[in-house]
Protein backbone atom coordinates (compact mmCIF):
# COMPACT_ATOMS: atom_id res chain seq x y z
CA UNK A 1 -31.81 -0.07 1.53
CA UNK A 2 -32.03 -0.50 -2.26
CA UNK A 3 -29.14 -2.01 -4.12
CA UNK A 4 -26.40 0.67 -6.16
CA UNK A 5 -27.15 1.47 -9.63
CA UNK A 6 -24.45 -0.50 -11.84
CA UNK A 7 -23.11 1.33 -14.73
CA UNK A 8 -21.22 -1.23 -15.98
CA UNK A 9 -20.50 -5.48 -15.89
CA UNK A 10 -19.72 -6.78 -12.61
CA UNK A 11 -16.19 -8.01 -12.34
CA UNK A 12 -15.53 -10.62 -9.40
CA UNK A 13 -11.77 -10.18 -7.89
CA UNK A 14 -10.10 -13.17 -7.36
CA UNK A 15 -7.69 -13.49 -4.77
CA UNK A 16 -4.81 -15.58 -3.26
CA UNK A 17 -5.22 -19.10 -2.22
CA UNK A 18 -3.63 -18.71 0.83
CA UNK A 19 -5.68 -18.17 3.85
CA UNK A 20 -6.15 -14.41 4.30
CA UNK A 21 -6.20 -15.54 8.40
CA UNK A 22 -2.75 -17.14 7.99
CA UNK A 23 -1.15 -13.82 6.48
CA UNK A 24 -2.87 -12.01 9.19
CA UNK A 25 -1.78 -13.27 12.22
CA UNK A 26 1.78 -13.29 10.99
CA UNK A 27 1.11 -9.42 9.84
CA UNK A 28 -0.06 -9.07 13.79
CA UNK A 29 3.10 -10.98 15.27
CA UNK A 30 5.34 -8.93 13.32
CA UNK A 31 3.48 -5.63 14.48
CA UNK A 32 3.17 -6.54 17.69
CA UNK A 33 6.48 -7.10 18.09
CA UNK A 34 8.27 -4.18 16.13
CA UNK A 35 5.68 -1.55 18.19
CA UNK A 36 6.68 -3.57 22.03
CA UNK A 37 5.66 -5.65 24.60
CA UNK A 38 3.06 -3.18 26.19
CA UNK A 39 1.30 -2.66 22.49
CA UNK A 40 1.07 -6.19 22.16
CA UNK A 41 -1.19 -6.08 25.68
CA UNK A 42 -3.23 -3.00 24.83
CA UNK A 43 -4.16 -3.62 21.51
CA UNK A 44 -3.79 -7.42 19.66
CA UNK A 45 -6.67 -8.53 20.54
CA UNK A 46 -8.62 -5.39 19.56
CA UNK A 47 -6.69 -5.60 15.92
CA UNK A 48 -7.70 -9.15 15.40
CA UNK A 49 -11.28 -8.49 16.59
CA UNK A 50 -11.29 -5.43 14.31
CA UNK A 51 -10.36 -7.32 11.04
CA UNK A 52 -12.85 -10.19 11.92
CA UNK A 53 -15.18 -7.83 11.96
CA UNK A 54 -14.18 -6.09 8.58
CA UNK A 55 -14.32 -9.91 6.92
CA UNK A 56 -18.03 -9.78 8.35
CA UNK A 57 -19.19 -6.91 7.18
CA UNK A 58 -17.82 -7.53 3.63
CA UNK A 59 -19.61 -10.71 3.39
CA UNK A 60 -22.96 -9.10 4.44
CA UNK A 61 -22.73 -6.18 1.72
CA UNK A 62 -21.28 -8.98 -1.11
CA UNK A 63 -24.22 -8.10 -2.91
CA UNK A 64 -23.48 -4.61 -3.24
CA UNK A 65 -19.20 -5.08 -3.57
CA UNK A 66 -19.40 -8.16 -6.04
CA UNK A 67 -16.93 -10.03 -3.92
CA UNK A 68 -17.05 -11.86 -0.52
CA UNK A 69 -13.44 -11.15 0.42
CA UNK A 70 -11.14 -8.44 0.42
CA UNK A 71 -7.54 -9.10 -1.35
CA UNK A 72 -5.25 -10.34 1.34
CA UNK A 73 -2.74 -7.53 0.67
CA UNK A 74 -5.25 -5.05 1.81
CA UNK A 75 -6.15 -6.65 4.76
CA UNK A 76 -2.56 -7.28 5.62
CA UNK A 77 -2.23 -3.14 5.29
CA UNK A 78 -5.28 -2.78 7.94
CA UNK A 79 -4.01 -5.24 10.04
CA UNK A 80 -0.06 -3.28 9.53
CA UNK A 81 -1.32 0.24 10.47
CA UNK A 82 -1.77 1.30 14.23
CA UNK A 83 -5.16 3.08 14.09
CA UNK A 84 -4.76 3.98 17.79
CA UNK A 85 -1.43 6.37 16.85
CA UNK A 86 -4.28 8.22 14.43
CA UNK A 87 -6.90 8.86 16.72
CA UNK A 88 -6.49 11.74 19.85
CA UNK A 89 -5.67 10.16 23.04
CA UNK A 90 -8.78 10.27 24.43
CA UNK A 91 -10.15 7.89 22.03
CA UNK A 92 -7.64 5.12 22.24
CA UNK A 93 -9.86 2.76 23.74
CA UNK A 94 -11.95 3.33 20.62
CA UNK A 95 -9.32 3.10 18.67
CA UNK A 96 -9.87 -0.66 16.84
CA UNK A 97 -14.15 -0.34 16.90
CA UNK A 98 -15.94 -0.34 13.18
CA UNK A 99 -16.83 2.86 13.43
CA UNK A 100 -15.65 6.66 12.62
CA UNK A 101 -13.95 8.66 15.41
CA UNK A 102 -13.29 12.83 15.30
CA UNK A 103 -10.15 13.75 14.94
CA UNK A 104 -10.94 17.43 15.48
CA UNK A 105 -11.66 20.73 13.27
CA UNK A 106 -14.86 18.71 12.93
CA UNK A 107 -13.27 16.22 10.81
CA UNK A 108 -13.21 12.56 11.31
CA UNK A 109 -11.41 9.06 10.53
CA UNK A 110 -13.14 6.84 8.81
CA UNK A 111 -14.58 3.37 9.64
CA UNK A 112 -11.93 1.18 9.02
CA UNK A 113 -14.38 -1.16 6.94
CA UNK A 114 -15.40 2.04 4.55
CA UNK A 115 -11.08 2.13 4.62
CA UNK A 116 -10.66 -1.48 3.87
CA UNK A 117 -13.44 -1.48 1.25
CA UNK A 118 -12.24 1.76 -0.67
CA UNK A 119 -8.66 0.34 -0.63
CA UNK A 120 -9.64 -2.88 -1.64
CA UNK A 121 -11.59 -1.24 -4.89
CA UNK A 122 -8.78 1.02 -5.81
CA UNK A 123 -6.91 -2.37 -6.10
CA UNK A 124 -3.50 -0.94 -5.82
CA UNK A 125 -0.20 -2.18 -7.82
CA UNK A 126 2.69 -2.92 -6.83
CA UNK A 127 4.84 0.29 -8.08
CA UNK A 128 1.64 2.34 -7.73
CA UNK A 129 1.46 5.92 -7.64
CA UNK A 130 -1.86 7.14 -5.03
CA UNK A 131 -3.17 10.34 -4.69
CA UNK A 132 -5.41 10.96 -1.47
CA UNK A 133 -7.90 13.90 -1.45
CA UNK A 134 -8.25 14.83 2.32
CA UNK A 135 -5.70 13.53 4.26
CA UNK A 136 -7.36 13.78 8.16
CA UNK A 137 -5.41 12.21 10.45
CA UNK A 138 -3.48 10.43 8.23
CA UNK A 139 -4.52 7.18 8.62
CA UNK A 140 -6.21 6.13 4.56
CA UNK A 141 -2.57 7.46 3.30
CA UNK A 142 -0.46 4.86 5.73
CA UNK A 143 -3.10 1.93 4.65
CA UNK A 144 -2.03 3.34 0.95
CA UNK A 145 1.81 3.43 1.50
CA UNK A 146 1.92 0.00 2.13
CA UNK A 147 0.79 -0.68 -1.35
CA UNK A 148 2.19 1.92 -3.31
CA UNK A 149 5.34 3.26 -3.95
CA UNK A 150 4.33 6.66 -3.71
CA UNK A 151 1.09 8.36 -1.98
CA UNK A 152 0.66 12.38 -2.17
CA UNK A 153 -2.31 13.42 -0.08
CA UNK A 154 -3.83 17.00 0.49
CA UNK A 155 -5.76 18.67 3.40
CA UNK A 156 -7.32 22.01 3.31
CA UNK A 157 -7.34 21.97 7.27
CA UNK A 158 -3.76 23.29 7.77
CA UNK A 159 -3.77 22.42 11.54
CA UNK A 160 -5.14 18.63 10.59
CA UNK A 161 -2.32 18.66 7.80
CA UNK A 162 0.71 19.68 9.79
CA UNK A 163 -0.07 16.94 12.48
CA UNK A 164 -0.78 14.36 9.96
CA UNK A 165 2.83 15.08 8.58
CA UNK A 166 4.43 15.15 11.37
CA UNK A 167 2.74 11.54 12.60
CA UNK A 168 3.36 10.01 9.15
CA UNK A 169 7.01 11.12 9.58
CA UNK A 170 7.33 9.76 13.66
CA UNK A 171 6.05 6.87 12.48
CA UNK A 172 8.33 5.89 9.40
CA UNK A 173 6.03 6.51 6.52
CA UNK A 174 8.47 8.06 4.37
CA UNK A 175 6.90 7.21 0.90
CA UNK A 176 3.89 9.71 2.00
CA UNK A 177 3.91 13.12 0.73
CA UNK A 178 1.48 15.95 2.59
CA UNK A 179 0.32 19.20 1.57
CA UNK A 180 -2.03 21.79 2.76
CA UNK A 181 -4.32 22.86 -0.05
CA UNK A 182 -7.79 22.84 -1.62
CA UNK A 183 -8.02 18.59 -2.78
CA UNK A 184 -10.34 19.27 -5.56
CA UNK A 185 -7.91 20.53 -7.75
CA UNK A 186 -5.35 17.78 -6.73
CA UNK A 187 -1.98 17.60 -7.74
CA UNK A 188 -0.93 18.69 -11.21
CA UNK A 189 2.93 18.53 -10.85
CA UNK A 190 2.67 15.06 -9.13
CA UNK A 191 0.14 13.61 -12.05
CA UNK A 192 -0.66 11.14 -13.63
CA UNK A 193 -1.51 9.01 -10.65
CA UNK A 194 -2.37 5.02 -11.32
CA UNK A 195 -5.23 5.47 -8.32
CA UNK A 196 -6.80 8.55 -6.65
CA UNK A 197 -9.07 8.04 -3.34
CA UNK A 198 -11.46 10.92 -1.99
CA UNK A 199 -12.55 10.82 1.55
CA UNK A 200 -15.09 13.41 1.60
CA UNK A 201 -18.34 13.98 -0.35
CA UNK A 202 -18.39 16.14 -3.06
CA UNK A 203 -21.81 16.64 -5.47
CA UNK A 204 -20.04 15.38 -8.84
CA UNK A 205 -16.73 13.86 -9.74
CA UNK A 206 -14.07 16.55 -9.80
CA UNK A 207 -13.07 17.16 -13.43
CA UNK A 208 -9.25 18.02 -12.54
CA UNK A 209 -8.96 14.47 -10.42
CA UNK A 210 -10.32 12.91 -13.60
CA UNK A 211 -7.95 14.58 -15.74
CA UNK A 212 -5.13 13.35 -13.55
CA UNK A 213 -6.08 10.07 -13.15
CA UNK A 214 -3.80 7.74 -15.54
CA UNK A 215 -5.03 5.55 -18.41
CA UNK A 216 -6.24 2.32 -16.67
CA UNK A 217 -6.49 3.97 -13.16
CA UNK A 218 -9.06 3.83 -10.82
CA UNK A 219 -10.42 6.55 -8.59
CA UNK A 220 -13.10 5.65 -5.76
CA UNK A 221 -15.16 8.68 -3.90
CA UNK A 222 -18.40 9.50 -2.20
CA UNK A 223 -20.84 11.35 -4.44
CA UNK A 224 -24.02 13.16 -3.00
CA UNK A 225 -24.80 15.82 -0.35
CA UNK A 226 -24.36 15.82 3.13
CA UNK A 227 -28.26 15.67 3.27
CA UNK A 228 -28.86 13.33 0.70
CA UNK A 229 -27.87 9.23 0.48
CA UNK A 230 -24.45 9.56 -0.95
CA UNK A 231 -23.11 6.72 -2.61
CA UNK A 232 -19.60 5.26 -3.00
CA UNK A 233 -18.39 5.52 -6.37
CA UNK A 234 -15.95 3.40 -8.25
CA UNK A 235 -14.49 5.22 -11.44
CA UNK A 236 -12.20 3.67 -14.11
CA UNK A 237 -10.39 5.36 -16.82
CA UNK A 238 -10.06 3.13 -19.77
CA UNK A 239 -6.82 2.88 -21.72
CA UNK A 240 -8.94 5.18 -24.74
CA UNK A 241 -9.42 7.96 -22.34
CA UNK A 242 -13.39 6.68 -21.64
CA UNK A 243 -14.61 6.99 -18.14
CA UNK A 244 -17.04 4.69 -16.28
CA UNK A 245 -18.93 4.66 -13.14
CA UNK A 246 -20.21 2.33 -10.97
CA UNK A 247 -22.30 3.26 -7.58
CA UNK A 248 -21.03 0.60 -4.86
CA UNK A 249 -22.99 0.86 -1.56
CA UNK A 250 -24.46 4.28 0.25
CA UNK A 251 -22.37 5.98 2.53
CA UNK A 252 -21.57 8.89 4.74
CA UNK A 253 -18.95 11.40 4.59
CA UNK A 254 -17.92 15.26 5.80
CA UNK A 255 -18.29 17.13 2.48
CA UNK A 256 -15.52 17.95 0.27
CA UNK A 257 -14.54 22.21 1.29
CA UNK A 258 -12.66 24.51 -0.58
CA UNK A 259 -13.57 27.20 -3.12
CA UNK A 260 -14.49 25.05 -6.14
CA UNK A 261 -18.77 25.05 -6.91
C-alpha cells in the first residue's frame, strides 16, 4: 500500500527510558490481583500476547506512524483495561485477539492496535479533558479515562449508549460521562477539549468538533467513506487557531451516522 500524505513536518515522540515490558508486567500483575484468581487464569496470558502483538504491529507500521513504540503510559492503559468486559459474552474467547469484534446494532469494538495508536496520537497529558465520538462498548473511553482527568463520550445508538453507561459505571470508571446523541455536533457545554477522538468514519472533519477543540489540542479521526480508502487523520489546532492535518495510515471504520450532511 502507498504511504500517507504528509501535510505537516514529522515529529518523533520520545518515550521513557524505563523498559515498557517492566511497566506492563507490573500493571498486569496489579490488574490480575484486583480482578481475582479466575481472571488471572483466564486472561493474563492473552493480555500479554496482545500487548506484544501491538508492539510488533507498531514497529511494522513505523513508516506511517513516525515512531517505533508507543508512549508507555498508553501501553499501561491498554494493559489495565479488561477488554473481555467490553465484548459480548459469546465473544469473550476472542476478547484479546488483535481484531475488531461485533457488539450489536451493526457496530464493532475497534482493533486494539488501532485503539492504542489513536490514543497515542492524541498525546493525552495529565489533567486533560477528552471528547469521544462513538462510544460503542465504552472500551476507548475506558482507555482514555486512565490518561485524562475527564472523558465525555457520545453514542447515537441509544441501546449501545445505555449499555456502555451501565458497563462503565459497574467497572468503576467514574470520570466518564456518556450521552446519547449525534456526535457530529460534539458536546458544546463541556467544551473546549484538549483531545478529541472519533471512532467512526466521516467524509470530512466535522466543523463543530474543530470549534470545540482547544488551541494546542489534537483530534484523531478516520476520514473517507465506507466504500473508498479511509485514512486515519491527525488534526492539530495551533495556539493561534490555525489547523494542520496529517494522514497517518489506511484504516476501516463503520460510518458516522446522524442527521448531518
